[in-house]
Amino acid sequence: MSATDQDQRLAKARERATIARLRFINSLQSTQRRLSPDRLKEDAQLAVSDRLDRARTDVKQTIRRHPILAISGVAGILAVLFWMPARTTALLGMRAAQFVWINRQLWRNIND
């Protein structure tokens, strides 16, 4: 191999190394930009807002399809919050459900 061939091969190898180094630096910088805290925060906020928008539209559609059920649910929640007999009944119902659940756990067969 002559000296000029070696010099040409060395120049080509250096050129390939320079190109590879530039590609690597470019990839590293784009990854750093994508993983920056500000970018991650923006992506998370965008994802949350998308999910909230989807949930809102789903709720609106459900209310439009089942208005009586929605009104009954809202009335029930308001009654539990502001009407003492309904609140007492709800608390007693939760205690009864808890009692039934505890007894079910205690008296069930071990092989279930």
PDB file of N, CA and C in Angstrom:
ATOM      1  N   MET A   1       0.835  -1.156   0.000  1.00  0.00           N
ATOM      2  CA  MET A   1       0.000   0.000   0.000  1.00  0.00           C
ATOM      3  C   MET A   1       0.896   1.241   0.000  1.00  0.00           C
ATOM      4  N   SER A   2       0.582   2.157  -0.842  1.00  0.00           N
ATOM      5  CA  SER A   2       1.416   3.355  -0.933  1.00  0.00           C
ATOM      6  C   SER A   2       0.987   4.381   0.106  1.00  0.00           C
ATOM      7  N   ALA A   3       1.796   5.377   0.274  1.00  0.00           N
ATOM      8  CA  ALA A   3       1.528   6.415   1.273  1.00  0.00           C
ATOM      9  C   ALA A   3       0.298   7.227   0.895  1.00  0.00           C
ATOM     10  N   THR A   4       0.080   7.451  -0.420  1.00  0.00           N
ATOM     11  CA  THR A   4      -1.098   8.220  -0.837  1.00  0.00           C
ATOM     12  C   THR A   4      -2.386   7.437  -0.572  1.00  0.00           C
ATOM     13  N   ASP A   5      -2.357   6.119  -0.764  1.00  0.00           N
ATOM     14  CA  ASP A   5      -3.532   5.293  -0.457  1.00  0.00           C
ATOM     15  C   ASP A   5      -3.839   5.331   1.038  1.00  0.00           C
ATOM     16  N   GLN A   6      -2.800   5.239   1.825  1.00  0.00           N
ATOM     17  CA  GLN A   6      -3.011   5.305   3.277  1.00  0.00           C
ATOM     18  C   GLN A   6      -3.535   6.672   3.683  1.00  0.00           C
ATOM     19  N   ASP A   7      -3.014   7.715   3.086  1.00  0.00           N
ATOM     20  CA  ASP A   7      -3.497   9.065   3.405  1.00  0.00           C
ATOM     21  C   ASP A   7      -4.959   9.233   2.996  1.00  0.00           C
ATOM     22  N   GLN A   8      -5.333   8.682   1.833  1.00  0.00           N
ATOM     23  CA  GLN A   8      -6.723   8.774   1.386  1.00  0.00           C
ATOM     24  C   GLN A   8      -7.641   7.978   2.317  1.00  0.00           C
ATOM     25  N   ARG A   9      -7.205   6.786   2.692  1.00  0.00           N
ATOM     26  CA  ARG A   9      -8.002   5.957   3.609  1.00  0.00           C
ATOM     27  C   ARG A   9      -8.145   6.643   4.960  1.00  0.00           C
ATOM     28  N   LEU A  10      -7.044   7.240   5.434  1.00  0.00           N
ATOM     29  CA  LEU A  10      -7.074   7.954   6.701  1.00  0.00           C
ATOM     30  C   LEU A  10      -8.004   9.170   6.619  1.00  0.00           C
ATOM     31  N   ALA A  11      -7.978   9.898   5.516  1.00  0.00           N
ATOM     32  CA  ALA A  11      -8.856  11.067   5.331  1.00  0.00           C
ATOM     33  C   ALA A  11     -10.318  10.635   5.290  1.00  0.00           C
ATOM     34  N   LYS A  12     -10.604   9.521   4.601  1.00  0.00           N
ATOM     35  CA  LYS A  12     -11.984   9.022   4.539  1.00  0.00           C
ATOM     36  C   LYS A  12     -12.449   8.549   5.917  1.00  0.00           C
ATOM     37  N   ALA A  13     -11.556   7.882   6.638  1.00  0.00           N
ATOM     38  CA  ALA A  13     -11.907   7.414   7.984  1.00  0.00           C
ATOM     39  C   ALA A  13     -12.183   8.601   8.901  1.00  0.00           C
ATOM     40  N   ARG A  14     -11.364   9.652   8.808  1.00  0.00           N
ATOM     41  CA  ARG A  14     -11.584  10.847   9.616  1.00  0.00           C
ATOM     42  C   ARG A  14     -12.916  11.515   9.238  1.00  0.00           C
ATOM     43  N   GLU A  15     -13.206  11.553   7.950  1.00  0.00           N
ATOM     44  CA  GLU A  15     -14.460  12.148   7.490  1.00  0.00           C
ATOM     45  C   GLU A  15     -15.655  11.360   8.032  1.00  0.00           C
ATOM     46  N   ARG A  16     -15.575  10.024   7.955  1.00  0.00           N
ATOM     47  CA  ARG A  16     -16.656   9.184   8.494  1.00  0.00           C
ATOM     48  C   ARG A  16     -16.786   9.372  10.005  1.00  0.00           C
ATOM     49  N   ALA A  17     -15.665   9.479  10.692  1.00  0.00           N
ATOM     50  CA  ALA A  17     -15.694   9.678  12.141  1.00  0.00           C
ATOM     51  C   ALA A  17     -16.311  11.030  12.481  1.00  0.00           C
ATOM     52  N   THR A  18     -15.970  12.051  11.708  1.00  0.00           N
ATOM     53  CA  THR A  18     -16.539  13.378  11.939  1.00  0.00           C
ATOM     54  C   THR A  18     -18.044  13.366  11.718  1.00  0.00           C
ATOM     55  N   ILE A  19     -18.482  12.718  10.646  1.00  0.00           N
ATOM     56  CA  ILE A  19     -19.927  12.621  10.362  1.00  0.00           C
ATOM     57  C   ILE A  19     -20.640  11.851  11.470  1.00  0.00           C
ATOM     58  N   ALA A  20     -20.035  10.743  11.910  1.00  0.00           N
ATOM     59  CA  ALA A  20     -20.639   9.947  12.978  1.00  0.00           C
ATOM     60  C   ALA A  20     -20.705  10.756  14.274  1.00  0.00           C
ATOM     61  N   ARG A  21     -19.643  11.515  14.576  1.00  0.00           N
ATOM     62  CA  ARG A  21     -19.615  12.348  15.774  1.00  0.00           C
ATOM     63  C   ARG A  21     -20.707  13.416  15.710  1.00  0.00           C
ATOM     64  N   LEU A  22     -20.871  14.052  14.548  1.00  0.00           N
ATOM     65  CA  LEU A  22     -21.910  15.071  14.394  1.00  0.00           C
ATOM     66  C   LEU A  22     -23.307  14.480  14.541  1.00  0.00           C
ATOM     67  N   ARG A  23     -23.508  13.286  13.971  1.00  0.00           N
ATOM     68  CA  ARG A  23     -24.808  12.608  14.119  1.00  0.00           C
ATOM     69  C   ARG A  23     -25.087  12.303  15.589  1.00  0.00           C
ATOM     70  N   PHE A  24     -24.059  11.808  16.277  1.00  0.00           N
ATOM     71  CA  PHE A  24     -24.226  11.469  17.684  1.00  0.00           C
ATOM     72  C   PHE A  24     -24.554  12.714  18.499  1.00  0.00           C
ATOM     73  N   ILE A  25     -23.834  13.799  18.266  1.00  0.00           N
ATOM     74  CA  ILE A  25     -24.077  15.041  18.998  1.00  0.00           C
ATOM     75  C   ILE A  25     -25.483  15.563  18.710  1.00  0.00           C
ATOM     76  N   ASN A  26     -25.888  15.475  17.451  1.00  0.00           N
ATOM     77  CA  ASN A  26     -27.236  15.918  17.073  1.00  0.00           C
ATOM     78  C   ASN A  26     -28.300  15.071  17.778  1.00  0.00           C
ATOM     79  N   SER A  27     -28.107  13.771  17.796  1.00  0.00           N
ATOM     80  CA  SER A  27     -29.059  12.879  18.475  1.00  0.00           C
ATOM     81  C   SER A  27     -29.090  13.164  19.970  1.00  0.00           C
ATOM     82  N   LEU A  28     -27.930  13.371  20.551  1.00  0.00           N
ATOM     83  CA  LEU A  28     -27.851  13.648  21.981  1.00  0.00           C
ATOM     84  C   LEU A  28     -28.562  14.953  22.320  1.00  0.00           C
ATOM     85  N   GLN A  29     -28.357  15.975  21.521  1.00  0.00           N
ATOM     86  CA  GLN A  29     -29.005  17.258  21.780  1.00  0.00           C
ATOM     87  C   GLN A  29     -30.518  17.171  21.610  1.00  0.00           C
ATOM     88  N   SER A  30     -30.973  16.449  20.593  1.00  0.00           N
ATOM     89  CA  SER A  30     -32.431  16.322  20.419  1.00  0.00           C
ATOM     90  C   SER A  30     -33.037  15.525  21.571  1.00  0.00           C
ATOM     91  N   THR A  31     -32.322  14.518  22.059  1.00  0.00           N
ATOM     92  CA  THR A  31     -32.812  13.751  23.209  1.00  0.00           C
ATOM     93  C   THR A  31     -32.851  14.623  24.450  1.00  0.00           C
ATOM     94  N   GLN A  32     -31.830  15.433  24.645  1.00  0.00           N
ATOM     95  CA  GLN A  32     -31.825  16.334  25.798  1.00  0.00           C
ATOM     96  C   GLN A  32     -32.969  17.331  25.717  1.00  0.00           C
ATOM     97  N   ARG A  33     -33.277  17.821  24.523  1.00  0.00           N
ATOM     98  CA  ARG A  33     -34.407  18.739  24.369  1.00  0.00           C
ATOM     99  C   ARG A  33     -35.730  18.039  24.691  1.00  0.00           C
ATOM    100  N   ARG A  34     -35.859  16.792  24.211  1.00  0.00           N
ATOM    101  CA  ARG A  34     -37.104  16.056  24.458  1.00  0.00           C
ATOM    102  C   ARG A  34     -37.271  15.716  25.928  1.00  0.00           C
ATOM    103  N   LEU A  35     -36.174  15.487  26.629  1.00  0.00           N
ATOM    104  CA  LEU A  35     -36.256  15.083  28.026  1.00  0.00           C
ATOM    105  C   LEU A  35     -36.035  16.226  29.002  1.00  0.00           C
ATOM    106  N   SER A  36     -36.078  17.441  28.518  1.00  0.00           N
ATOM    107  CA  SER A  36     -35.913  18.577  29.421  1.00  0.00           C
ATOM    108  C   SER A  36     -37.149  18.684  30.315  1.00  0.00           C
ATOM    109  N   PRO A  37     -36.982  19.165  31.537  1.00  0.00           N
ATOM    110  CA  PRO A  37     -38.126  19.251  32.463  1.00  0.00           C
ATOM    111  C   PRO A  37     -39.276  20.102  31.923  1.00  0.00           C
ATOM    112  N   ASP A  38     -38.945  21.183  31.249  1.00  0.00           N
ATOM    113  CA  ASP A  38     -40.017  22.025  30.703  1.00  0.00           C
ATOM    114  C   ASP A  38     -40.828  21.281  29.658  1.00  0.00           C
ATOM    115  N   ARG A  39     -40.145  20.564  28.785  1.00  0.00           N
ATOM    116  CA  ARG A  39     -40.832  19.809  27.731  1.00  0.00           C
ATOM    117  C   ARG A  39     -41.675  18.691  28.330  1.00  0.00           C
ATOM    118  N   LEU A  40     -41.127  17.981  29.320  1.00  0.00           N
ATOM    119  CA  LEU A  40     -41.888  16.909  29.969  1.00  0.00           C
ATOM    120  C   LEU A  40     -43.117  17.477  30.677  1.00  0.00           C
ATOM    121  N   LYS A  41     -42.956  18.638  31.305  1.00  0.00           N
ATOM    122  CA  LYS A  41     -44.086  19.273  31.979  1.00  0.00           C
ATOM    123  C   LYS A  41     -45.169  19.650  30.977  1.00  0.00           C
ATOM    124  N   GLU A  42     -44.766  20.227  29.846  1.00  0.00           N
ATOM    125  CA  GLU A  42     -45.731  20.591  28.812  1.00  0.00           C
ATOM    126  C   GLU A  42     -46.456  19.366  28.271  1.00  0.00           C
ATOM    127  N   ASP A  43     -45.709  18.281  28.036  1.00  0.00           N
ATOM    128  CA  ASP A  43     -46.335  17.051  27.539  1.00  0.00           C
ATOM    129  C   ASP A  43     -47.331  16.490  28.546  1.00  0.00           C
ATOM    130  N   ALA A  44     -46.960  16.524  29.828  1.00  0.00           N
ATOM    131  CA  ALA A  44     -47.868  16.014  30.857  1.00  0.00           C
ATOM    132  C   ALA A  44     -49.128  16.872  30.941  1.00  0.00           C
ATOM    133  N   GLN A  45     -48.963  18.188  30.882  1.00  0.00           N
ATOM    134  CA  GLN A  45     -50.126  19.070  30.928  1.00  0.00           C
ATOM    135  C   GLN A  45     -51.030  18.862  29.720  1.00  0.00           C
ATOM    136  N   LEU A  46     -50.424  18.654  28.570  1.00  0.00           N
ATOM    137  CA  LEU A  46     -51.207  18.407  27.365  1.00  0.00           C
ATOM    138  C   LEU A  46     -51.986  17.097  27.481  1.00  0.00           C
ATOM    139  N   ALA A  47     -51.333  16.054  28.005  1.00  0.00           N
ATOM    140  CA  ALA A  47     -52.011  14.767  28.162  1.00  0.00           C
ATOM    141  C   ALA A  47     -53.170  14.877  29.154  1.00  0.00           C
ATOM    142  N   VAL A  48     -52.948  15.586  30.253  1.00  0.00           N
ATOM    143  CA  VAL A  48     -54.003  15.741  31.255  1.00  0.00           C
ATOM    144  C   VAL A  48     -55.170  16.540  30.681  1.00  0.00           C
ATOM    145  N   SER A  49     -54.861  17.603  29.965  1.00  0.00           N
ATOM    146  CA  SER A  49     -55.958  18.407  29.396  1.00  0.00           C
ATOM    147  C   SER A  49     -56.730  17.608  28.348  1.00  0.00           C
ATOM    148  N   ASP A  50     -56.041  16.781  27.562  1.00  0.00           N
ATOM    149  CA  ASP A  50     -56.745  15.930  26.601  1.00  0.00           C
ATOM    150  C   ASP A  50     -57.682  14.962  27.303  1.00  0.00           C
ATOM    151  N   ARG A  51     -57.199  14.346  28.364  1.00  0.00           N
ATOM    152  CA  ARG A  51     -58.048  13.399  29.098  1.00  0.00           C
ATOM    153  C   ARG A  51     -59.233  14.101  29.743  1.00  0.00           C
ATOM    154  N   LEU A  52     -59.002  15.297  30.287  1.00  0.00           N
ATOM    155  CA  LEU A  52     -60.109  16.035  30.883  1.00  0.00           C
ATOM    156  C   LEU A  52     -61.144  16.422  29.834  1.00  0.00           C
ATOM    157  N   ASP A  53     -60.678  16.819  28.664  1.00  0.00           N
ATOM    158  CA  ASP A  53     -61.616  17.157  27.583  1.00  0.00           C
ATOM    159  C   ASP A  53     -62.440  15.939  27.181  1.00  0.00           C
ATOM    160  N   ARG A  54     -61.762  14.784  27.060  1.00  0.00           N
ATOM    161  CA  ARG A  54     -62.489  13.552  26.713  1.00  0.00           C
ATOM    162  C   ARG A  54     -63.498  13.199  27.797  1.00  0.00           C
ATOM    163  N   ALA A  55     -63.104  13.352  29.067  1.00  0.00           N
ATOM    164  CA  ALA A  55     -64.011  13.035  30.168  1.00  0.00           C
ATOM    165  C   ALA A  55     -65.211  13.973  30.159  1.00  0.00           C
ATOM    166  N   ARG A  56     -64.967  15.251  29.897  1.00  0.00           N
ATOM    167  CA  ARG A  56     -66.084  16.216  29.832  1.00  0.00           C
ATOM    168  C   ARG A  56     -67.072  15.845  28.725  1.00  0.00           C
ATOM    169  N   THR A  57     -66.540  15.533  27.556  1.00  0.00           N
ATOM    170  CA  THR A  57     -67.447  15.189  26.453  1.00  0.00           C
ATOM    171  C   THR A  57     -68.202  13.896  26.760  1.00  0.00           C
ATOM    172  N   ASP A  58     -67.533  12.934  27.398  1.00  0.00           N
ATOM    173  CA  ASP A  58     -68.222  11.696  27.764  1.00  0.00           C
ATOM    174  C   ASP A  58     -69.337  11.964  28.770  1.00  0.00           C
ATOM    175  N   VAL A  59     -69.047  12.812  29.752  1.00  0.00           N
ATOM    176  CA  VAL A  59     -70.067  13.138  30.752  1.00  0.00           C
ATOM    177  C   VAL A  59     -71.243  13.862  30.098  1.00  0.00           C
ATOM    178  N   LYS A  60     -70.945  14.802  29.217  1.00  0.00           N
ATOM    179  CA  LYS A  60     -72.019  15.530  28.536  1.00  0.00           C
ATOM    180  C   LYS A  60     -72.890  14.589  27.712  1.00  0.00           C
ATOM    181  N   GLN A  61     -72.243  13.663  26.999  1.00  0.00           N
ATOM    182  CA  GLN A  61     -73.009  12.711  26.193  1.00  0.00           C
ATOM    183  C   GLN A  61     -73.851  11.800  27.075  1.00  0.00           C
ATOM    184  N   THR A  62     -73.292  11.360  28.189  1.00  0.00           N
ATOM    185  CA  THR A  62     -74.035  10.491  29.099  1.00  0.00           C
ATOM    186  C   THR A  62     -75.236  11.231  29.685  1.00  0.00           C
ATOM    187  N   ILE A  63     -75.023  12.482  30.056  1.00  0.00           N
ATOM    188  CA  ILE A  63     -76.140  13.263  30.607  1.00  0.00           C
ATOM    189  C   ILE A  63     -77.217  13.472  29.553  1.00  0.00           C
ATOM    190  N   ARG A  64     -76.821  13.713  28.309  1.00  0.00           N
ATOM    191  CA  ARG A  64     -77.818  13.895  27.239  1.00  0.00           C
ATOM    192  C   ARG A  64     -78.585  12.601  26.956  1.00  0.00           C
ATOM    193  N   ARG A  65     -77.894  11.459  27.075  1.00  0.00           N
ATOM    194  CA  ARG A  65     -78.563  10.184  26.815  1.00  0.00           C
ATOM    195  C   ARG A  65     -79.443   9.741  27.976  1.00  0.00           C
ATOM    196  N   HIS A  66     -79.023  10.079  29.207  1.00  0.00           N
ATOM    197  CA  HIS A  66     -79.755   9.636  30.394  1.00  0.00           C
ATOM    198  C   HIS A  66     -80.015  10.810  31.334  1.00  0.00           C
ATOM    199  N   PRO A  67     -80.892  11.728  30.961  1.00  0.00           N
ATOM    200  CA  PRO A  67     -81.090  12.920  31.798  1.00  0.00           C
ATOM    201  C   PRO A  67     -81.739  12.621  33.145  1.00  0.00           C
ATOM    202  N   ILE A  68     -82.656  11.677  33.191  1.00  0.00           N
ATOM    203  CA  ILE A  68     -83.339  11.370  34.452  1.00  0.00           C
ATOM    204  C   ILE A  68     -82.355  10.758  35.442  1.00  0.00           C
ATOM    205  N   LEU A  69     -81.506   9.879  34.966  1.00  0.00           N
ATOM    206  CA  LEU A  69     -80.493   9.280  35.830  1.00  0.00           C
ATOM    207  C   LEU A  69     -79.548  10.343  36.366  1.00  0.00           C
ATOM    208  N   ALA A  70     -79.145  11.275  35.516  1.00  0.00           N
ATOM    209  CA  ALA A  70     -78.225  12.338  35.937  1.00  0.00           C
ATOM    210  C   ALA A  70     -78.881  13.232  36.984  1.00  0.00           C
ATOM    211  N   ILE A  71     -80.123  13.590  36.758  1.00  0.00           N
ATOM    212  CA  ILE A  71     -80.830  14.438  37.720  1.00  0.00           C
ATOM    213  C   ILE A  71     -80.994  13.704  39.047  1.00  0.00           C
ATOM    214  N   SER A  72     -81.306  12.416  38.979  1.00  0.00           N
ATOM    215  CA  SER A  72     -81.449  11.631  40.207  1.00  0.00           C
ATOM    216  C   SER A  72     -80.126  11.560  40.963  1.00  0.00           C
ATOM    217  N   GLY A  73     -79.035  11.371  40.243  1.00  0.00           N
ATOM    218  CA  GLY A  73     -77.722  11.312  40.887  1.00  0.00           C
ATOM    219  C   GLY A  73     -77.352  12.622  41.551  1.00  0.00           C
ATOM    220  N   VAL A  74     -77.574  13.722  40.854  1.00  0.00           N
ATOM    221  CA  VAL A  74     -77.266  15.044  41.422  1.00  0.00           C
ATOM    222  C   VAL A  74     -78.154  15.299  42.639  1.00  0.00           C
ATOM    223  N   ALA A  75     -79.427  14.961  42.542  1.00  0.00           N
ATOM    224  CA  ALA A  75     -80.335  15.156  43.674  1.00  0.00           C
ATOM    225  C   ALA A  75     -79.901  14.296  44.860  1.00  0.00           C
ATOM    226  N   GLY A  76     -79.487  13.077  44.597  1.00  0.00           N
ATOM    227  CA  GLY A  76     -79.021  12.201  45.682  1.00  0.00           C
ATOM    228  C   GLY A  76     -77.775  12.740  46.357  1.00  0.00           C
ATOM    229  N   ILE A  77     -76.832  13.230  45.564  1.00  0.00           N
ATOM    230  CA  ILE A  77     -75.605  13.795  46.144  1.00  0.00           C
ATOM    231  C   ILE A  77     -75.927  15.034  46.972  1.00  0.00           C
ATOM    232  N   LEU A  78     -76.787  15.901  46.445  1.00  0.00           N
ATOM    233  CA  LEU A  78     -77.175  17.094  47.199  1.00  0.00           C
ATOM    234  C   LEU A  78     -77.915  16.731  48.483  1.00  0.00           C
ATOM    235  N   ALA A  79     -78.764  15.707  48.400  1.00  0.00           N
ATOM    236  CA  ALA A  79     -79.490  15.281  49.594  1.00  0.00           C
ATOM    237  C   ALA A  79     -78.536  14.754  50.652  1.00  0.00           C
ATOM    238  N   VAL A  80     -77.570  13.964  50.249  1.00  0.00           N
ATOM    239  CA  VAL A  80     -76.610  13.415  51.212  1.00  0.00           C
ATOM    240  C   VAL A  80     -75.773  14.534  51.819  1.00  0.00           C
ATOM    241  N   LEU A  81     -75.425  15.533  51.004  1.00  0.00           N
ATOM    242  CA  LEU A  81     -74.593  16.618  51.518  1.00  0.00           C
ATOM    243  C   LEU A  81     -75.352  17.559  52.444  1.00  0.00           C
ATOM    244  N   PHE A  82     -76.606  17.890  52.102  1.00  0.00           N
ATOM    245  CA  PHE A  82     -77.297  18.966  52.816  1.00  0.00           C
ATOM    246  C   PHE A  82     -78.512  18.530  53.630  1.00  0.00           C
ATOM    247  N   TRP A  83     -79.010  17.312  53.479  1.00  0.00           N
ATOM    248  CA  TRP A  83     -80.212  16.904  54.181  1.00  0.00           C
ATOM    249  C   TRP A  83     -79.823  15.869  55.233  1.00  0.00           C
ATOM    250  N   MET A  84     -80.011  16.186  56.480  1.00  0.00           N
ATOM    251  CA  MET A  84     -79.529  15.361  57.587  1.00  0.00           C
ATOM    252  C   MET A  84     -80.087  13.930  57.564  1.00  0.00           C
ATOM    253  N   PRO A  85     -81.388  13.688  57.359  1.00  0.00           N
ATOM    254  CA  PRO A  85     -81.868  12.292  57.333  1.00  0.00           C
ATOM    255  C   PRO A  85     -81.207  11.453  56.234  1.00  0.00           C
ATOM    256  N   ALA A  86     -80.971  12.056  55.079  1.00  0.00           N
ATOM    257  CA  ALA A  86     -80.317  11.300  54.004  1.00  0.00           C
ATOM    258  C   ALA A  86     -78.865  11.000  54.373  1.00  0.00           C
ATOM    259  N   ARG A  87     -78.208  11.960  55.016  1.00  0.00           N
ATOM    260  CA  ARG A  87     -76.824  11.744  55.424  1.00  0.00           C
ATOM    261  C   ARG A  87     -76.739  10.633  56.469  1.00  0.00           C
ATOM    262  N   THR A  88     -77.670  10.638  57.417  1.00  0.00           N
ATOM    263  CA  THR A  88     -77.702   9.602  58.447  1.00  0.00           C
ATOM    264  C   THR A  88     -77.976   8.238  57.826  1.00  0.00           C
ATOM    265  N   THR A  89     -78.907   8.176  56.899  1.00  0.00           N
ATOM    266  CA  THR A  89     -79.220   6.916  56.221  1.00  0.00           C
ATOM    267  C   THR A  89     -78.016   6.406  55.438  1.00  0.00           C
ATOM    268  N   ALA A  90     -77.313   7.301  54.767  1.00  0.00           N
ATOM    269  CA  ALA A  90     -76.128   6.893  54.010  1.00  0.00           C
ATOM    270  C   ALA A  90     -75.040   6.364  54.935  1.00  0.00           C
ATOM    271  N   LEU A  91     -74.837   7.037  56.070  1.00  0.00           N
ATOM    272  CA  LEU A  91     -73.828   6.560  57.023  1.00  0.00           C
ATOM    273  C   LEU A  91     -74.198   5.191  57.597  1.00  0.00           C
ATOM    274  N   LEU A  92     -75.480   5.011  57.933  1.00  0.00           N
ATOM    275  CA  LEU A  92     -75.918   3.715  58.444  1.00  0.00           C
ATOM    276  C   LEU A  92     -75.777   2.634  57.371  1.00  0.00           C
ATOM    277  N   GLY A  93     -76.091   2.991  56.136  1.00  0.00           N
ATOM    278  CA  GLY A  93     -75.929   2.023  55.048  1.00  0.00           C
ATOM    279  C   GLY A  93     -74.471   1.627  54.857  1.00  0.00           C
ATOM    280  N   MET A  94     -73.568   2.598  54.957  1.00  0.00           N
ATOM    281  CA  MET A  94     -72.143   2.264  54.820  1.00  0.00           C
ATOM    282  C   MET A  94     -71.670   1.386  55.969  1.00  0.00           C
ATOM    283  N   ARG A  95     -72.163   1.676  57.189  1.00  0.00           N
ATOM    284  CA  ARG A  95     -71.779   0.838  58.334  1.00  0.00           C
ATOM    285  C   ARG A  95     -72.329  -0.577  58.183  1.00  0.00           C
ATOM    286  N   ALA A  96     -73.562  -0.692  57.699  1.00  0.00           N
ATOM    287  CA  ALA A  96     -74.141  -2.023  57.485  1.00  0.00           C
ATOM    288  C   ALA A  96     -73.363  -2.785  56.416  1.00  0.00           C
ATOM    289  N   ALA A  97     -72.972  -2.097  55.353  1.00  0.00           N
ATOM    290  CA  ALA A  97     -72.190  -2.758  54.309  1.00  0.00           C
ATOM    291  C   ALA A  97     -70.832  -3.206  54.847  1.00  0.00           C
ATOM    292  N   GLN A  98     -70.235  -2.375  55.681  1.00  0.00           N
ATOM    293  CA  GLN A  98     -68.951  -2.735  56.280  1.00  0.00           C
ATOM    294  C   GLN A  98     -69.125  -3.948  57.193  1.00  0.00           C
ATOM    295  N   PHE A  99     -70.195  -3.991  57.990  1.00  0.00           N
ATOM    296  CA  PHE A  99     -70.470  -5.117  58.871  1.00  0.00           C
ATOM    297  C   PHE A  99     -70.659  -6.405  58.076  1.00  0.00           C
ATOM    298  N   VAL A 100     -71.427  -6.328  57.005  1.00  0.00           N
ATOM    299  CA  VAL A 100     -71.647  -7.503  56.154  1.00  0.00           C
ATOM    300  C   VAL A 100     -70.333  -7.958  55.538  1.00  0.00           C
ATOM    301  N   TRP A 101     -69.532  -7.020  55.069  1.00  0.00           N
ATOM    302  CA  TRP A 101     -68.256  -7.371  54.441  1.00  0.00           C
ATOM    303  C   TRP A 101     -67.317  -8.043  55.443  1.00  0.00           C
ATOM    304  N   ILE A 102     -67.242  -7.504  56.657  1.00  0.00           N
ATOM    305  CA  ILE A 102     -66.367  -8.094  57.669  1.00  0.00           C
ATOM    306  C   ILE A 102     -66.832  -9.500  58.009  1.00  0.00           C
ATOM    307  N   ASN A 103     -68.147  -9.691  58.194  1.00  0.00           N
ATOM    308  CA  ASN A 103     -68.654 -11.032  58.506  1.00  0.00           C
ATOM    309  C   ASN A 103     -68.438 -11.992  57.350  1.00  0.00           C
ATOM    310  N   ARG A 104     -68.568 -11.514  56.148  1.00  0.00           N
ATOM    311  CA  ARG A 104     -68.328 -12.372  54.984  1.00  0.00           C
ATOM    312  C   ARG A 104     -66.885 -12.842  54.973  1.00  0.00           C
ATOM    313  N   GLN A 105     -65.975 -11.942  55.271  1.00  0.00           N
ATOM    314  CA  GLN A 105     -64.560 -12.294  55.297  1.00  0.00           C
ATOM    315  C   GLN A 105     -64.261 -13.278  56.438  1.00  0.00           C
ATOM    316  N   LEU A 106     -64.932 -13.100  57.577  1.00  0.00           N
ATOM    317  CA  LEU A 106     -64.657 -13.962  58.734  1.00  0.00           C
ATOM    318  C   LEU A 106     -65.225 -15.368  58.556  1.00  0.00           C
ATOM    319  N   TRP A 107     -66.423 -15.480  57.976  1.00  0.00           N
ATOM    320  CA  TRP A 107     -67.116 -16.748  57.960  1.00  0.00           C
ATOM    321  C   TRP A 107     -67.033 -17.487  56.622  1.00  0.00           C
ATOM    322  N   ARG A 108     -66.286 -17.004  55.686  1.00  0.00           N
ATOM    323  CA  ARG A 108     -66.194 -17.728  54.416  1.00  0.00           C
ATOM    324  C   ARG A 108     -65.300 -18.959  54.571  1.00  0.00           C
ATOM    325  N   ASN A 109     -65.495 -19.909  53.679  1.00  0.00           N
ATOM    326  CA  ASN A 109     -64.689 -21.115  53.719  1.00  0.00           C
ATOM    327  C   ASN A 109     -63.262 -20.787  53.315  1.00  0.00           C
ATOM    328  N   ILE A 110     -62.335 -21.470  53.909  1.00  0.00           N
ATOM    329  CA  ILE A 110     -60.918 -21.247  53.600  1.00  0.00           C
ATOM    330  C   ILE A 110     -60.609 -21.710  52.177  1.00  0.00           C
ATOM    331  N   ASN A 111     -61.338 -22.696  51.680  1.00  0.00           N
ATOM    332  CA  ASN A 111     -61.063 -23.253  50.355  1.00  0.00           C
ATOM    333  C   ASN A 111     -61.672 -22.432  49.218  1.00  0.00           C
ATOM    334  N   ASP A 112     -62.355 -21.339  49.504  1.00  0.00           N
ATOM    335  CA  ASP A 112     -62.969 -20.531  48.439  1.00  0.00           C
ATOM    336  C   ASP A 112     -61.936 -19.919  47.561  1.00  0.00           C
TER     337      ASP A 112
END
